[in-house]
Amino acid sequence: MLDRQNGTVLAFDFGLKRIGVAVGDGELGLAHPLETIHVEGNTARFARIAALIAEWQPVLVVVGMPTKDDGSEHELAPTCLRFARRLKGRFSLRVFWVDERYSSTAASMALNESGVRGRSQKQVLDQMAAQQILQLYFDEPEYVHEM
């Protein structure tokens, strides 16, 4: 059983071009999309993440770990794991990861249902995927792993 902490939790949907960010409350177990980080270079990316961590003061962070449909490791998984380790090392926070193989699909479906379709989704899809990742952390502890 996962030992949940009350307080703010940030989640990240890591991508090579964009990083989706969601925020939630550990006590309520509710996730909300926050923003999409779309800047070039690790220095700028981590500067924005540092600002979000300073603003939200999370008790822990969650990272979506990409896997293929059959459960095997996705090509992006090692890069995503490195990102998660950097979060842990730079910010001295507990870092958890969850299998995010369907988060973008679920986010796209939710956006379609709300009337946001096609290219209009691009601006918010990653933060909605981060929301899906964080909600999975809250709802399905058997899929959660601590770094």
N, C-alpha and C. Protein backbone atom coordinates (compact mmCIF):
# COMPACT_ATOMS: atom_id res chain seq x y z
N MET A 1 0.84 -1.19 0.00
CA MET A 1 0.00 0.00 0.00
C MET A 1 0.88 1.25 0.00
N LEU A 2 0.54 2.21 -0.82
CA LEU A 2 1.30 3.44 -0.95
C LEU A 2 1.06 4.34 0.26
N ASP A 3 2.14 4.85 0.81
CA ASP A 3 2.07 5.78 1.93
C ASP A 3 1.89 7.19 1.37
N ARG A 4 0.65 7.63 1.28
CA ARG A 4 0.37 8.95 0.72
C ARG A 4 0.70 10.06 1.70
N GLN A 5 1.13 11.17 1.14
CA GLN A 5 1.38 12.35 1.95
C GLN A 5 0.34 13.40 1.60
N ASN A 6 -0.17 14.07 2.62
CA ASN A 6 -1.06 15.19 2.37
C ASN A 6 -0.22 16.36 1.91
N GLY A 7 -0.80 17.17 1.06
CA GLY A 7 -0.11 18.34 0.53
C GLY A 7 -0.16 18.35 -0.98
N THR A 8 0.49 19.33 -1.54
CA THR A 8 0.50 19.52 -2.98
C THR A 8 1.43 18.53 -3.66
N VAL A 9 0.98 18.03 -4.80
CA VAL A 9 1.76 17.11 -5.61
C VAL A 9 1.82 17.67 -7.03
N LEU A 10 3.00 17.68 -7.62
CA LEU A 10 3.16 18.06 -9.03
C LEU A 10 3.43 16.80 -9.84
N ALA A 11 2.91 16.76 -11.05
CA ALA A 11 3.17 15.64 -11.95
C ALA A 11 3.68 16.17 -13.28
N PHE A 12 4.52 15.35 -13.92
CA PHE A 12 5.15 15.74 -15.18
C PHE A 12 4.93 14.67 -16.24
N ASP A 13 4.51 15.12 -17.42
CA ASP A 13 4.46 14.28 -18.61
C ASP A 13 5.64 14.71 -19.46
N PHE A 14 6.75 13.99 -19.33
CA PHE A 14 7.99 14.38 -19.98
C PHE A 14 7.96 14.08 -21.46
N GLY A 15 8.44 15.04 -22.24
CA GLY A 15 8.63 14.86 -23.67
C GLY A 15 9.87 15.60 -24.11
N LEU A 16 10.40 15.24 -25.26
CA LEU A 16 11.62 15.89 -25.74
C LEU A 16 11.38 17.34 -26.13
N LYS A 17 10.17 17.67 -26.57
CA LYS A 17 9.85 19.04 -26.97
C LYS A 17 9.06 19.80 -25.91
N ARG A 18 8.18 19.10 -25.20
CA ARG A 18 7.31 19.75 -24.22
C ARG A 18 7.21 18.88 -22.97
N ILE A 19 6.96 19.54 -21.85
CA ILE A 19 6.71 18.84 -20.59
C ILE A 19 5.37 19.34 -20.05
N GLY A 20 4.42 18.44 -19.93
CA GLY A 20 3.14 18.78 -19.34
C GLY A 20 3.25 18.74 -17.82
N VAL A 21 2.56 19.67 -17.16
CA VAL A 21 2.61 19.75 -15.71
C VAL A 21 1.18 19.78 -15.17
N ALA A 22 0.96 19.02 -14.11
CA ALA A 22 -0.33 19.02 -13.42
C ALA A 22 -0.07 19.20 -11.94
N VAL A 23 -1.09 19.65 -11.24
CA VAL A 23 -1.01 19.85 -9.80
C VAL A 23 -2.20 19.20 -9.15
N GLY A 24 -2.00 18.70 -7.95
CA GLY A 24 -3.10 18.09 -7.23
C GLY A 24 -2.86 18.14 -5.74
N ASP A 25 -3.87 17.72 -5.01
CA ASP A 25 -3.82 17.71 -3.56
C ASP A 25 -3.87 16.27 -3.08
N GLY A 26 -2.86 15.86 -2.29
CA GLY A 26 -2.79 14.49 -1.81
C GLY A 26 -3.96 14.08 -0.95
N GLU A 27 -4.49 15.01 -0.15
CA GLU A 27 -5.61 14.67 0.73
C GLU A 27 -6.89 14.48 -0.06
N LEU A 28 -7.14 15.36 -1.03
CA LEU A 28 -8.36 15.25 -1.83
C LEU A 28 -8.24 14.23 -2.95
N GLY A 29 -7.02 14.01 -3.44
CA GLY A 29 -6.83 13.06 -4.53
C GLY A 29 -7.37 13.55 -5.84
N LEU A 30 -7.30 14.86 -6.06
CA LEU A 30 -7.79 15.45 -7.31
C LEU A 30 -6.65 16.12 -8.07
N ALA A 31 -6.55 15.83 -9.36
CA ALA A 31 -5.51 16.39 -10.22
C ALA A 31 -6.10 17.42 -11.18
N HIS A 32 -5.30 18.46 -11.48
CA HIS A 32 -5.73 19.52 -12.40
C HIS A 32 -4.57 19.86 -13.33
N PRO A 33 -4.85 20.11 -14.61
CA PRO A 33 -3.78 20.53 -15.51
C PRO A 33 -3.24 21.89 -15.05
N LEU A 34 -1.94 22.10 -15.21
CA LEU A 34 -1.35 23.36 -14.76
C LEU A 34 -0.75 24.15 -15.92
N GLU A 35 0.20 23.56 -16.64
CA GLU A 35 0.81 24.27 -17.76
C GLU A 35 1.62 23.30 -18.60
N THR A 36 2.02 23.79 -19.77
CA THR A 36 2.93 23.05 -20.62
C THR A 36 4.22 23.86 -20.73
N ILE A 37 5.32 23.23 -20.37
CA ILE A 37 6.63 23.88 -20.49
C ILE A 37 7.12 23.61 -21.91
N HIS A 38 7.28 24.67 -22.66
CA HIS A 38 7.70 24.54 -24.05
C HIS A 38 8.85 25.51 -24.31
N VAL A 39 9.99 25.20 -23.73
CA VAL A 39 11.19 26.01 -23.91
C VAL A 39 12.34 25.10 -24.33
N GLU A 40 13.30 25.67 -25.02
CA GLU A 40 14.45 24.90 -25.50
C GLU A 40 15.51 24.79 -24.41
N GLY A 41 16.12 23.64 -24.31
CA GLY A 41 17.27 23.44 -23.45
C GLY A 41 16.93 23.08 -22.02
N ASN A 42 17.76 22.23 -21.43
CA ASN A 42 17.54 21.77 -20.06
C ASN A 42 17.63 22.89 -19.05
N THR A 43 18.51 23.85 -19.26
CA THR A 43 18.66 24.95 -18.31
C THR A 43 17.36 25.72 -18.17
N ALA A 44 16.76 26.08 -19.30
CA ALA A 44 15.49 26.81 -19.27
C ALA A 44 14.36 25.96 -18.73
N ARG A 45 14.35 24.70 -19.09
CA ARG A 45 13.31 23.79 -18.60
C ARG A 45 13.37 23.66 -17.08
N PHE A 46 14.57 23.42 -16.56
CA PHE A 46 14.70 23.24 -15.12
C PHE A 46 14.53 24.55 -14.36
N ALA A 47 14.80 25.67 -15.01
CA ALA A 47 14.52 26.96 -14.37
C ALA A 47 13.01 27.13 -14.18
N ARG A 48 12.24 26.74 -15.18
CA ARG A 48 10.78 26.84 -15.06
C ARG A 48 10.26 25.85 -14.02
N ILE A 49 10.80 24.64 -14.02
CA ILE A 49 10.40 23.65 -13.02
C ILE A 49 10.75 24.15 -11.63
N ALA A 50 11.92 24.75 -11.46
CA ALA A 50 12.32 25.29 -10.15
C ALA A 50 11.34 26.37 -9.70
N ALA A 51 10.89 27.21 -10.63
CA ALA A 51 9.91 28.25 -10.29
C ALA A 51 8.59 27.63 -9.86
N LEU A 52 8.15 26.58 -10.55
CA LEU A 52 6.90 25.90 -10.17
C LEU A 52 7.03 25.24 -8.81
N ILE A 53 8.15 24.63 -8.54
CA ILE A 53 8.37 23.98 -7.24
C ILE A 53 8.40 25.04 -6.13
N ALA A 54 9.05 26.17 -6.39
CA ALA A 54 9.07 27.25 -5.40
C ALA A 54 7.67 27.79 -5.14
N GLU A 55 6.87 27.90 -6.20
CA GLU A 55 5.52 28.44 -6.07
C GLU A 55 4.58 27.47 -5.37
N TRP A 56 4.60 26.21 -5.76
CA TRP A 56 3.62 25.24 -5.28
C TRP A 56 4.07 24.46 -4.06
N GLN A 57 5.38 24.42 -3.78
CA GLN A 57 5.92 23.72 -2.61
C GLN A 57 5.38 22.28 -2.50
N PRO A 58 5.59 21.46 -3.52
CA PRO A 58 5.05 20.10 -3.46
C PRO A 58 5.75 19.25 -2.41
N VAL A 59 5.00 18.29 -1.87
CA VAL A 59 5.57 17.33 -0.94
C VAL A 59 6.25 16.19 -1.68
N LEU A 60 5.88 16.01 -2.95
CA LEU A 60 6.48 14.99 -3.81
C LEU A 60 6.12 15.30 -5.26
N VAL A 61 6.78 14.61 -6.19
CA VAL A 61 6.46 14.76 -7.61
C VAL A 61 6.25 13.38 -8.21
N VAL A 62 5.48 13.37 -9.29
CA VAL A 62 5.17 12.15 -10.02
C VAL A 62 5.57 12.36 -11.48
N VAL A 63 6.20 11.36 -12.05
CA VAL A 63 6.61 11.40 -13.45
C VAL A 63 5.97 10.24 -14.18
N GLY A 64 5.42 10.51 -15.35
CA GLY A 64 4.89 9.44 -16.18
C GLY A 64 6.01 8.73 -16.90
N MET A 65 6.05 7.41 -16.79
CA MET A 65 7.10 6.62 -17.44
C MET A 65 6.50 5.94 -18.67
N PRO A 66 7.03 6.25 -19.85
CA PRO A 66 6.45 5.67 -21.07
C PRO A 66 6.78 4.19 -21.24
N THR A 67 5.76 3.44 -21.60
CA THR A 67 5.93 2.03 -21.94
C THR A 67 5.14 1.76 -23.22
N LYS A 68 5.49 0.69 -23.89
CA LYS A 68 4.77 0.30 -25.10
C LYS A 68 3.48 -0.41 -24.70
N ASP A 69 2.60 -0.59 -25.66
CA ASP A 69 1.30 -1.23 -25.39
C ASP A 69 1.45 -2.60 -24.74
N ASP A 70 2.50 -3.33 -25.08
CA ASP A 70 2.69 -4.66 -24.52
C ASP A 70 3.38 -4.63 -23.15
N GLY A 71 3.66 -3.42 -22.62
CA GLY A 71 4.28 -3.28 -21.31
C GLY A 71 5.79 -3.21 -21.34
N SER A 72 6.38 -3.40 -22.51
CA SER A 72 7.84 -3.32 -22.61
C SER A 72 8.30 -1.86 -22.59
N GLU A 73 9.58 -1.67 -22.38
CA GLU A 73 10.14 -0.33 -22.24
C GLU A 73 10.06 0.45 -23.55
N HIS A 74 9.60 1.67 -23.48
CA HIS A 74 9.55 2.58 -24.61
C HIS A 74 10.93 3.18 -24.83
N GLU A 75 11.23 3.59 -26.06
CA GLU A 75 12.54 4.17 -26.39
C GLU A 75 12.84 5.42 -25.55
N LEU A 76 11.82 6.15 -25.15
CA LEU A 76 12.00 7.38 -24.39
C LEU A 76 12.17 7.12 -22.89
N ALA A 77 11.96 5.89 -22.44
CA ALA A 77 12.01 5.57 -21.00
C ALA A 77 13.35 5.93 -20.34
N PRO A 78 14.50 5.60 -20.92
CA PRO A 78 15.76 5.96 -20.26
C PRO A 78 15.93 7.48 -20.09
N THR A 79 15.51 8.26 -21.08
CA THR A 79 15.59 9.72 -20.98
C THR A 79 14.64 10.23 -19.91
N CYS A 80 13.47 9.64 -19.85
CA CYS A 80 12.47 10.03 -18.85
C CYS A 80 12.96 9.67 -17.44
N LEU A 81 13.60 8.53 -17.31
CA LEU A 81 14.15 8.12 -16.03
C LEU A 81 15.26 9.09 -15.58
N ARG A 82 16.08 9.53 -16.52
CA ARG A 82 17.12 10.51 -16.21
C ARG A 82 16.49 11.82 -15.73
N PHE A 83 15.40 12.23 -16.39
CA PHE A 83 14.67 13.43 -15.98
C PHE A 83 14.16 13.27 -14.54
N ALA A 84 13.59 12.12 -14.23
CA ALA A 84 13.06 11.87 -12.88
C ALA A 84 14.18 11.90 -11.84
N ARG A 85 15.32 11.31 -12.18
CA ARG A 85 16.46 11.34 -11.25
C ARG A 85 16.96 12.76 -11.02
N ARG A 86 16.95 13.57 -12.07
CA ARG A 86 17.37 14.98 -11.92
C ARG A 86 16.42 15.73 -11.02
N LEU A 87 15.12 15.48 -11.15
CA LEU A 87 14.16 16.12 -10.25
C LEU A 87 14.47 15.76 -8.81
N LYS A 88 14.71 14.49 -8.57
CA LYS A 88 14.99 14.03 -7.21
C LYS A 88 16.28 14.67 -6.67
N GLY A 89 17.31 14.67 -7.48
CA GLY A 89 18.60 15.20 -7.05
C GLY A 89 18.61 16.71 -6.87
N ARG A 90 18.01 17.44 -7.80
CA ARG A 90 18.04 18.91 -7.74
C ARG A 90 17.14 19.49 -6.67
N PHE A 91 16.00 18.85 -6.45
CA PHE A 91 15.00 19.46 -5.58
C PHE A 91 14.79 18.70 -4.26
N SER A 92 15.51 17.61 -4.07
CA SER A 92 15.44 16.82 -2.84
C SER A 92 14.00 16.48 -2.47
N LEU A 93 13.25 16.04 -3.46
CA LEU A 93 11.85 15.64 -3.26
C LEU A 93 11.72 14.14 -3.51
N ARG A 94 10.72 13.55 -2.88
CA ARG A 94 10.36 12.18 -3.22
C ARG A 94 9.82 12.19 -4.65
N VAL A 95 10.25 11.22 -5.44
CA VAL A 95 9.81 11.12 -6.82
C VAL A 95 9.20 9.74 -7.03
N PHE A 96 8.01 9.73 -7.59
CA PHE A 96 7.32 8.50 -7.94
C PHE A 96 7.13 8.48 -9.44
N TRP A 97 7.00 7.29 -10.00
CA TRP A 97 6.67 7.19 -11.41
C TRP A 97 5.50 6.22 -11.59
N VAL A 98 4.73 6.49 -12.63
CA VAL A 98 3.61 5.63 -12.99
C VAL A 98 3.68 5.33 -14.48
N ASP A 99 3.14 4.20 -14.87
CA ASP A 99 3.06 3.81 -16.27
C ASP A 99 2.09 4.77 -16.97
N GLU A 100 2.58 5.47 -17.97
CA GLU A 100 1.76 6.49 -18.61
C GLU A 100 1.37 6.13 -20.04
N ARG A 101 1.33 4.85 -20.35
CA ARG A 101 1.18 4.46 -21.75
C ARG A 101 -0.09 4.98 -22.42
N TYR A 102 -1.15 5.22 -21.69
CA TYR A 102 -2.38 5.69 -22.33
C TYR A 102 -2.77 7.11 -21.90
N SER A 103 -1.87 7.82 -21.25
CA SER A 103 -2.23 9.14 -20.72
C SER A 103 -2.55 10.15 -21.82
N SER A 104 -1.79 10.16 -22.90
CA SER A 104 -2.05 11.11 -23.98
C SER A 104 -3.34 10.77 -24.71
N THR A 105 -3.62 9.49 -24.88
CA THR A 105 -4.87 9.07 -25.51
C THR A 105 -6.06 9.47 -24.65
N ALA A 106 -5.97 9.21 -23.36
CA ALA A 106 -7.06 9.59 -22.45
C ALA A 106 -7.24 11.10 -22.42
N ALA A 107 -6.13 11.84 -22.44
CA ALA A 107 -6.20 13.30 -22.44
C ALA A 107 -6.87 13.81 -23.72
N SER A 108 -6.50 13.24 -24.85
CA SER A 108 -7.10 13.64 -26.12
C SER A 108 -8.59 13.35 -26.14
N MET A 109 -8.98 12.20 -25.61
CA MET A 109 -10.40 11.86 -25.56
C MET A 109 -11.16 12.85 -24.67
N ALA A 110 -10.58 13.20 -23.53
CA ALA A 110 -11.23 14.16 -22.63
C ALA A 110 -11.36 15.53 -23.31
N LEU A 111 -10.35 15.93 -24.04
CA LEU A 111 -10.42 17.21 -24.75
C LEU A 111 -11.47 17.16 -25.86
N ASN A 112 -11.54 16.05 -26.59
CA ASN A 112 -12.57 15.89 -27.62
C ASN A 112 -13.97 16.02 -27.02
N GLU A 113 -14.17 15.39 -25.86
CA GLU A 113 -15.47 15.45 -25.20
C GLU A 113 -15.83 16.87 -24.77
N SER A 114 -14.81 17.68 -24.49
CA SER A 114 -15.09 19.07 -24.08
C SER A 114 -15.12 20.03 -25.27
N GLY A 115 -15.00 19.47 -26.49
CA GLY A 115 -15.11 20.29 -27.68
C GLY A 115 -13.79 20.83 -28.22
N VAL A 116 -12.67 20.44 -27.64
CA VAL A 116 -11.36 20.87 -28.12
C VAL A 116 -10.83 19.76 -29.00
N ARG A 117 -10.68 20.05 -30.29
CA ARG A 117 -10.30 19.01 -31.25
C ARG A 117 -9.13 19.44 -32.12
N GLY A 118 -8.50 18.45 -32.73
CA GLY A 118 -7.46 18.70 -33.72
C GLY A 118 -6.28 19.49 -33.19
N ARG A 119 -5.85 20.46 -34.00
CA ARG A 119 -4.69 21.28 -33.64
C ARG A 119 -4.90 22.10 -32.38
N SER A 120 -6.13 22.37 -32.03
CA SER A 120 -6.42 23.15 -30.82
C SER A 120 -5.95 22.41 -29.56
N GLN A 121 -5.82 21.10 -29.65
CA GLN A 121 -5.39 20.31 -28.49
C GLN A 121 -3.91 20.48 -28.18
N LYS A 122 -3.11 20.84 -29.18
CA LYS A 122 -1.66 20.86 -29.02
C LYS A 122 -1.20 21.70 -27.83
N GLN A 123 -1.84 22.83 -27.58
CA GLN A 123 -1.42 23.73 -26.51
C GLN A 123 -1.67 23.16 -25.11
N VAL A 124 -2.63 22.26 -24.98
CA VAL A 124 -2.99 21.77 -23.64
C VAL A 124 -2.86 20.26 -23.47
N LEU A 125 -2.57 19.54 -24.53
CA LEU A 125 -2.56 18.07 -24.47
C LEU A 125 -1.57 17.55 -23.43
N ASP A 126 -0.38 18.12 -23.38
CA ASP A 126 0.64 17.61 -22.46
C ASP A 126 0.27 17.84 -21.00
N GLN A 127 -0.32 18.99 -20.70
CA GLN A 127 -0.73 19.22 -19.31
C GLN A 127 -1.93 18.36 -18.94
N MET A 128 -2.78 18.07 -19.91
CA MET A 128 -3.89 17.15 -19.65
C MET A 128 -3.38 15.73 -19.45
N ALA A 129 -2.33 15.35 -20.18
CA ALA A 129 -1.72 14.03 -19.98
C ALA A 129 -1.09 13.96 -18.59
N ALA A 130 -0.46 15.05 -18.15
CA ALA A 130 0.10 15.11 -16.79
C ALA A 130 -1.01 14.95 -15.76
N GLN A 131 -2.16 15.54 -16.04
CA GLN A 131 -3.30 15.39 -15.14
C GLN A 131 -3.71 13.92 -15.05
N GLN A 132 -3.74 13.23 -16.18
CA GLN A 132 -4.08 11.80 -16.20
C GLN A 132 -3.07 11.00 -15.38
N ILE A 133 -1.79 11.34 -15.52
CA ILE A 133 -0.72 10.66 -14.77
C ILE A 133 -0.92 10.86 -13.28
N LEU A 134 -1.19 12.09 -12.87
CA LEU A 134 -1.36 12.39 -11.45
C LEU A 134 -2.62 11.72 -10.90
N GLN A 135 -3.68 11.71 -11.68
CA GLN A 135 -4.90 11.05 -11.21
C GLN A 135 -4.67 9.56 -11.05
N LEU A 136 -3.87 8.97 -11.93
CA LEU A 136 -3.53 7.56 -11.80
C LEU A 136 -2.74 7.33 -10.51
N TYR A 137 -1.84 8.24 -10.19
CA TYR A 137 -1.09 8.16 -8.92
C TYR A 137 -2.07 8.14 -7.74
N PHE A 138 -3.06 9.02 -7.78
CA PHE A 138 -4.02 9.09 -6.67
C PHE A 138 -4.94 7.87 -6.61
N ASP A 139 -5.37 7.37 -7.76
CA ASP A 139 -6.42 6.35 -7.82
C ASP A 139 -5.93 4.90 -7.86
N GLU A 140 -4.75 4.66 -8.38
CA GLU A 140 -4.29 3.29 -8.63
C GLU A 140 -2.91 3.04 -8.02
N PRO A 141 -2.82 2.91 -6.70
CA PRO A 141 -1.50 2.78 -6.07
C PRO A 141 -0.69 1.57 -6.53
N GLU A 142 -1.35 0.56 -7.08
CA GLU A 142 -0.60 -0.61 -7.54
C GLU A 142 0.27 -0.30 -8.77
N TYR A 143 0.02 0.83 -9.43
CA TYR A 143 0.82 1.23 -10.60
C TYR A 143 1.88 2.27 -10.25
N VAL A 144 2.05 2.57 -8.99
CA VAL A 144 2.96 3.62 -8.53
C VAL A 144 4.24 3.00 -8.00
N HIS A 145 5.37 3.61 -8.40
CA HIS A 145 6.69 3.11 -7.97
C HIS A 145 7.51 4.31 -7.50
N GLU A 146 8.20 4.12 -6.37
CA GLU A 146 9.07 5.20 -5.89
C GLU A 146 10.46 5.05 -6.49
N MET A 147 11.07 6.18 -6.81
CA MET A 147 12.44 6.17 -7.36
C MET A 147 13.42 5.91 -6.23
